[in-house]
Amino acid sequence: VQLQASGGGLVQAGDSLTLSCAASGRTLNNYHMGWFRQAPGKERELVAARSWRRGSTYIEDSVKGRFAISRDLAKNTMYLQMNNLKPEDAAVYYCVASSRWPIVKEVIASWGQGTLVTVSS
């Protein structure tokens, strides 16, 4: 499956933003899905993941209550709804699809270009 992340931009602290991940080639329904992010000088980290097949969700502690992951199978697209954004949320965000759960970055074969989120204080 090929994934294209979009929707990033410059926002102010406290604002909301929704990232999109459009899939092509195969249906998202075949995969567990997730969002990673990487800030300058930091490790790439998983912020949200979901297995609709297993009924499981992972949300990283620092974004709990603010970020939510969803999908629209009709559009073959996954979303990351981000609310109350903070300067520390600024990063390049990558969407991934995995046949394994839980999702770990070591088994992700393709990352794509990601989408940049900048949060001003």
Protein backbone atom coordinates (compact mmCIF):
# COMPACT_ATOMS: atom_id res chain seq x y z
CA VAL A 1 0.00 0.00 0.00
CA GLN A 2 1.20 3.52 -0.81
CA LEU A 3 0.49 6.24 1.72
CA GLN A 4 0.50 10.01 1.33
CA ALA A 5 0.31 12.19 4.42
CA SER A 6 -1.01 15.74 4.17
CA GLY A 7 -2.64 18.49 6.18
CA GLY A 8 0.29 19.86 8.09
CA GLY A 9 0.89 23.55 8.48
CA LEU A 10 1.63 26.41 10.83
CA VAL A 11 -0.79 26.83 13.71
CA GLN A 12 -0.84 28.60 17.04
CA ALA A 13 -0.74 26.87 20.38
CA GLY A 14 -4.24 25.78 21.32
CA ASP A 15 -5.36 25.34 17.73
CA SER A 16 -6.61 22.16 16.10
CA LEU A 17 -5.40 20.43 12.97
CA THR A 18 -6.42 17.28 11.13
CA LEU A 19 -3.84 15.28 9.22
CA SER A 20 -4.89 12.98 6.41
CA CYS A 21 -3.28 9.82 5.10
CA ALA A 22 -4.54 8.77 1.69
CA ALA A 23 -3.88 5.18 0.71
CA SER A 24 -3.63 3.69 -2.74
CA GLY A 25 -2.95 0.26 -4.04
CA ARG A 26 -4.72 -1.65 -1.30
CA THR A 27 -7.49 -1.03 1.16
CA LEU A 28 -6.64 0.29 4.61
CA ASN A 29 -8.89 -2.39 6.00
CA ASN A 30 -6.07 -4.88 5.51
CA TYR A 31 -3.73 -3.07 7.92
CA HIS A 32 -3.13 -1.81 11.39
CA MET A 33 -2.52 1.93 11.07
CA GLY A 34 -0.48 4.50 12.91
CA TRP A 35 1.06 7.94 13.05
CA PHE A 36 4.67 8.60 13.98
CA ARG A 37 6.33 11.95 14.44
CA GLN A 38 9.88 13.18 14.47
CA ALA A 39 11.04 16.52 15.79
CA PRO A 40 14.49 17.92 14.98
CA GLY A 41 17.17 16.15 16.98
CA LYS A 42 14.74 13.62 18.43
CA GLU A 43 13.89 10.00 17.81
CA ARG A 44 10.93 9.11 15.65
CA GLU A 45 8.10 8.17 18.00
CA LEU A 46 4.71 6.54 17.67
CA VAL A 47 1.98 8.92 18.78
CA ALA A 48 -1.17 7.06 17.78
CA ALA A 49 -2.07 3.68 16.37
CA ARG A 50 -5.17 1.67 15.88
CA SER A 51 -6.10 -1.86 15.01
CA TRP A 52 -9.71 -1.89 13.98
CA ARG A 53 -9.45 -5.62 13.46
CA ARG A 54 -8.38 -6.21 17.08
CA GLY A 55 -10.31 -3.33 18.61
CA SER A 56 -7.09 -1.87 20.05
CA THR A 57 -5.86 1.71 20.22
CA TYR A 58 -2.55 3.21 21.33
CA ILE A 59 -2.20 6.88 22.19
CA GLU A 60 1.11 8.20 23.47
CA ASP A 61 0.86 9.70 26.95
CA SER A 62 1.75 13.27 25.99
CA VAL A 63 -1.11 13.47 23.48
CA LYS A 64 -3.79 11.51 25.33
CA GLY A 65 -7.05 13.40 25.39
CA ARG A 66 -5.88 15.65 22.54
CA PHE A 67 -5.19 13.35 19.56
CA ALA A 68 -7.51 10.81 17.97
CA ILE A 69 -7.05 8.43 15.06
CA SER A 70 -9.85 7.53 12.68
CA ARG A 71 -10.44 6.31 9.15
CA ASP A 72 -12.91 6.53 6.30
CA LEU A 73 -12.83 3.31 4.30
CA ALA A 74 -14.97 4.81 1.54
CA LYS A 75 -12.15 7.31 0.96
CA ASN A 76 -9.43 4.81 1.89
CA THR A 77 -8.06 7.51 4.14
CA MET A 78 -6.88 7.68 7.73
CA TYR A 79 -6.92 10.80 9.90
CA LEU A 80 -5.17 12.18 12.94
CA GLN A 81 -7.30 14.76 14.71
CA MET A 82 -5.06 16.96 16.85
CA ASN A 83 -6.61 19.36 19.35
CA ASN A 84 -5.09 21.87 21.75
CA LEU A 85 -1.77 21.73 19.97
CA LYS A 86 1.35 22.60 21.92
CA PRO A 87 4.76 23.80 20.70
CA GLU A 88 6.20 20.40 21.65
CA ASP A 89 3.85 18.76 19.11
CA ALA A 90 5.80 20.39 16.28
CA ALA A 91 7.34 17.68 14.11
CA VAL A 92 7.14 15.90 10.80
CA TYR A 93 4.26 13.45 11.02
CA TYR A 94 4.31 10.16 9.13
CA CYS A 95 1.47 7.73 8.57
CA VAL A 96 2.20 4.02 8.40
CA ALA A 97 0.46 0.78 7.67
CA SER A 98 1.55 -2.44 9.30
CA SER A 99 0.52 -6.06 9.10
CA ARG A 100 1.90 -6.50 12.63
CA TRP A 101 0.48 -5.33 15.95
CA PRO A 102 1.65 -3.57 17.98
CA ILE A 103 3.21 -1.22 15.47
CA VAL A 104 6.92 -0.65 15.96
CA LYS A 105 9.11 1.54 13.78
CA GLU A 106 11.69 -1.18 13.24
CA VAL A 107 9.36 -3.16 10.98
CA ILE A 108 8.04 -0.24 8.94
CA ALA A 109 9.33 -0.70 5.40
CA SER A 110 8.21 2.59 3.87
CA TRP A 111 7.85 5.99 5.55
CA GLY A 112 6.87 8.39 2.83
CA GLN A 113 7.64 12.10 3.01
CA GLY A 114 5.53 13.02 6.00
CA THR A 115 3.79 16.30 6.66
CA LEU A 116 5.23 19.14 8.72
CA VAL A 117 3.36 20.56 11.69
CA THR A 118 4.66 23.78 13.20
CA VAL A 119 3.15 25.18 16.39
CA SER A 120 3.89 28.73 17.45
CA SER A 121 3.60 29.72 21.09
